Protein backbone atom coordinates (compact mmCIF):
# COMPACT_ATOMS: atom_id res chain seq x y z
CA MET A 1 2.98 -1.16 19.88
CA ASN A 2 0.07 1.09 19.76
CA ALA A 3 -2.75 0.53 17.12
CA CYS A 4 -3.02 3.02 13.87
CA PHE A 5 -6.65 1.82 13.18
CA GLU A 6 -9.21 -1.00 13.34
CA ALA A 7 -11.50 -2.07 10.82
CA VAL A 8 -13.87 -5.27 10.61
CA GLY A 9 -12.00 -7.11 13.62
CA LEU A 10 -8.71 -6.21 12.45
CA VAL A 11 -5.86 -4.19 14.13
CA ALA A 12 -3.43 -2.34 12.19
CA ARG A 13 -0.09 -1.45 13.77
CA PRO A 14 3.45 -1.22 12.67
CA LEU A 15 5.18 -4.39 12.22
CA ALA A 16 8.17 -5.16 14.65
CA HIS A 17 10.89 -7.92 14.97
CA GLY A 18 8.69 -9.89 17.34
CA ASP A 19 6.11 -10.49 14.66
CA GLY A 20 8.38 -13.01 12.85
CA PRO A 21 6.44 -16.19 13.59
CA ALA A 22 3.15 -14.56 12.63
CA PHE A 23 4.43 -13.03 9.68
CA ALA A 24 6.08 -16.41 8.53
CA ALA A 25 2.56 -17.95 8.84
CA PHE A 26 1.07 -15.07 6.75
CA GLY A 27 3.87 -15.55 4.24
CA GLU A 28 2.90 -19.24 3.69
CA SER A 29 -0.88 -18.31 3.09
CA VAL A 30 0.25 -15.76 0.17
CA ALA A 31 2.75 -17.73 -1.55
CA GLY A 32 0.96 -17.63 -4.84
CA TYR A 33 1.02 -13.79 -4.98
CA GLY A 34 4.79 -13.88 -4.66
CA GLU A 35 5.31 -16.40 -7.31
CA GLY A 36 2.78 -14.81 -9.75
CA TYR A 37 3.90 -10.96 -9.33
CA TYR A 38 7.59 -11.25 -8.00
CA GLY A 39 8.65 -14.40 -9.75
CA LEU A 40 9.81 -15.66 -6.42
CA ASP A 41 8.84 -18.86 -4.81
CA GLY A 42 7.15 -18.74 -1.27
CA GLN A 43 10.52 -19.47 0.68
CA GLU A 44 12.27 -16.40 -1.12
CA LEU A 45 9.16 -14.12 -0.73
CA ARG A 46 8.87 -14.86 3.04
CA SER A 47 12.79 -14.27 3.49
CA ARG A 48 12.56 -10.94 1.38
CA GLY A 49 9.41 -9.62 3.21
CA ALA A 50 10.74 -10.68 6.86
CA ARG A 51 14.07 -8.73 5.88
CA HIS A 52 12.16 -5.91 4.30
CA TRP A 53 9.45 -5.33 6.93
CA LEU A 54 10.96 -7.00 10.41
CA LEU A 55 14.57 -6.77 10.17
CA THR A 56 15.84 -3.90 8.37
CA PRO A 57 16.22 -0.39 10.08
CA ARG A 58 13.24 1.72 9.96
CA ARG A 59 12.98 4.28 7.09
CA PRO A 60 11.30 7.36 8.19
CA ARG A 61 8.82 7.45 5.34
CA LEU A 62 8.07 3.81 5.19
CA LEU A 63 5.08 2.69 7.10
CA ALA A 64 4.45 -1.25 7.33
CA LEU A 65 1.40 -2.28 8.97
CA GLY A 66 0.29 -5.50 10.02
CA LEU A 67 -3.42 -6.32 10.01
CA PHE A 68 -3.90 -8.61 13.23
CA ASP A 69 -6.60 -10.76 13.90
CA ALA A 70 -8.15 -11.37 17.34
CA ARG A 71 -5.75 -14.24 17.86
CA GLY A 72 -2.68 -12.44 16.90
CA ALA A 73 -2.41 -13.75 13.48
CA ILE A 74 -1.43 -11.45 10.46
CA ALA A 75 -4.45 -11.35 8.29
CA GLY A 76 -2.92 -9.01 5.89
CA VAL A 77 -0.44 -6.18 5.40
CA LEU A 78 -0.38 -2.68 4.16
CA GLU A 79 2.65 -0.65 3.18
CA VAL A 80 2.68 2.99 2.52
CA ILE A 81 5.29 5.67 2.03
CA VAL A 82 4.37 8.85 3.56
CA HIS A 83 4.89 12.08 1.79
CA HIS A 84 5.88 10.41 -1.30
CA THR A 85 6.38 12.52 -4.38
CA MET A 86 4.56 15.65 -2.66
CA PRO A 87 4.07 16.72 0.67
CA ASP A 88 0.93 15.13 2.28
CA GLU A 89 0.72 12.47 -0.62
CA TRP A 90 0.79 8.91 0.76
CA CYS A 91 1.74 6.05 -1.65
CA VAL A 92 -0.07 2.64 -0.93
CA VAL A 93 2.66 0.37 -1.87
CA LEU A 94 0.83 -2.82 -0.86
CA LEU A 95 -2.59 -3.89 0.66
CA LEU A 96 -2.43 -7.91 0.73
CA LEU A 97 -4.96 -9.90 2.63
CA ARG A 98 -4.90 -13.80 3.30
CA PRO A 99 -6.84 -15.30 0.29
CA GLU A 100 -9.77 -16.54 2.70
CA MET A 101 -10.25 -12.81 3.34
CA ARG A 102 -10.69 -11.64 -0.01
CA GLY A 103 -13.80 -10.78 -2.03
CA ARG A 104 -15.83 -10.29 1.13
CA GLY A 105 -15.43 -6.52 1.81
CA THR A 106 -12.64 -6.89 4.17
CA GLY A 107 -10.07 -4.88 1.80
CA GLU A 108 -12.63 -2.04 1.18
CA ALA A 109 -13.23 -1.61 4.83
CA VAL A 110 -9.44 -1.90 5.76
CA TYR A 111 -8.45 0.99 3.19
CA ARG A 112 -11.37 3.21 4.02
CA ALA A 113 -10.31 3.13 7.92
CA PHE A 114 -6.73 3.34 6.64
CA GLU A 115 -7.63 6.60 4.74
CA ALA A 116 -9.59 8.21 7.61
CA TRP A 117 -6.58 7.48 9.97
CA ALA A 118 -4.19 8.97 7.35
CA VAL A 119 -6.21 12.08 6.67
CA SER A 120 -6.13 12.68 10.63
CA GLN A 121 -2.32 12.48 10.35
CA GLY A 122 -2.44 15.03 7.46
CA ALA A 123 -2.70 13.04 4.05
CA ARG A 124 -4.27 15.00 1.43
CA SER A 125 -4.16 12.40 -1.59
CA PHE A 126 -2.97 8.99 -2.24
CA LEU A 127 -1.12 7.37 -5.01
CA LEU A 128 -0.43 3.44 -6.02
CA ALA A 129 0.21 1.45 -8.99
CA VAL A 130 -1.58 -1.56 -10.15
CA VAL A 131 -0.46 -4.03 -12.88
CA ASP A 132 -2.49 -4.26 -15.77
CA SER A 133 -2.51 -8.13 -15.23
CA ASN A 134 -4.57 -7.80 -12.06
CA PRO A 135 -7.98 -6.35 -13.27
CA ARG A 136 -9.64 -7.21 -10.07
CA ALA A 137 -7.32 -4.85 -7.93
CA LEU A 138 -7.91 -2.22 -10.90
CA ALA A 139 -11.73 -2.58 -10.32
CA PHE A 140 -11.15 -2.39 -6.48
CA TRP A 141 -9.20 0.82 -6.29
CA SER A 142 -11.47 2.31 -8.74
CA ARG A 143 -14.40 1.58 -6.84
CA LEU A 144 -12.61 3.37 -3.89
CA GLY A 145 -12.46 6.51 -5.95
CA PHE A 146 -8.87 6.12 -7.36
CA VAL A 147 -8.43 7.33 -10.93
CA ARG A 148 -5.78 6.82 -13.57
CA VAL A 149 -3.29 9.45 -14.32
CA ALA A 150 -0.34 7.70 -15.97
CA THR A 151 0.69 4.13 -17.44
CA LYS A 152 4.10 2.90 -16.73
CA PRO A 153 6.13 -0.46 -16.77
CA MET A 154 6.79 -1.61 -13.17
CA THR A 155 9.42 -4.02 -12.20
CA LEU A 156 8.63 -6.25 -9.34
CA GLY A 157 11.17 -8.69 -8.03
CA ARG A 158 12.19 -10.37 -11.32
CA ARG A 159 9.31 -9.67 -13.24
CA THR A 160 8.36 -6.47 -15.58
CA HIS A 161 4.44 -5.60 -15.72
CA ASP A 162 2.61 -2.96 -17.37
CA GLY A 163 0.84 -0.94 -14.89
CA GLN A 164 -1.48 1.86 -14.06
CA VAL A 165 -0.66 4.74 -11.90
CA LEU A 166 -3.84 5.69 -9.79
CA VAL A 167 -4.40 8.89 -7.39
CA ARG A 168 -7.13 9.67 -4.93
CA ILE A 169 -7.56 13.04 -3.83
CA VAL A 170 -9.22 13.83 -0.46
CA CYS A 171 -8.37 17.56 -0.30
CA PRO A 172 -9.96 19.85 -3.11
CA ARG A 173 -6.76 22.05 -3.13
CA ARG A 174 -4.73 19.06 -3.91
CA ARG A 175 -6.49 18.92 -7.56
CA GLU A 176 -4.82 22.32 -8.57
CA GLU A 177 -1.58 21.12 -7.22
CA LEU A 178 -1.40 17.96 -9.22
CA ALA A 179 -2.71 19.85 -12.44
CA ALA A 180 0.64 21.65 -12.11
CA TYR A 181 2.87 19.02 -11.17
CA LEU A 182 1.81 15.85 -13.12
CA PRO A 183 2.92 17.76 -16.53
CA GLN A 184 6.31 18.43 -15.50
CA PRO A 185 9.19 15.89 -16.55
CA VAL A 186 9.46 13.14 -14.56
CA GLY A 187 12.64 13.42 -12.48
CA GLN A 188 12.52 17.17 -12.65
CA ARG A 189 9.06 17.51 -10.77
CA GLN A 190 8.92 20.12 -8.31
CA ALA A 191 6.32 20.01 -5.63
CA VAL A 192 3.39 22.68 -5.73
CA THR A 193 1.88 23.46 -2.52
CA SER A 194 -1.17 25.84 -2.31
CA PRO A 195 -1.29 28.44 0.46
CA ALA A 196 -3.26 27.28 3.35
């Protein structure tokens, strides 16, 4: 499969059925994440992750990328929804790295490479949500230029968390579009697109 982008020795490409063994090893390394945020033990998380990313039919707007190291091992996953709530808005659902790769600038390098690639594919803004119980993630995304636009409860697996919705705008016209879009009642929002 073709690479979407590369960063710090990692190659990002869509996860595929054949990635099962590499995904299982990755799942072992991040089992604590599933227990803390989803209320799932390691086996449940690996099973759900495999079904979600490797075995289910591809959903047209969901992009699940594996971040592969030089040995072919999965060092992380990046899941995004393309054209989430507005045209050209990409929602970062998950950026998760193996524990030994955290705190060394890898996540920032991966995100910046991803953003540059996504902009080349037409992305104009990015959206994500962070649980309040993860201040390191909130600080990470804030350093990358994301700003809080809302708070909301988030249900992840068996757990509900308070969360922050963050946005990063890479196209100046998107600011005007969001200013018209966000005040609309949730569930009734209509996309607002500026003329080109």
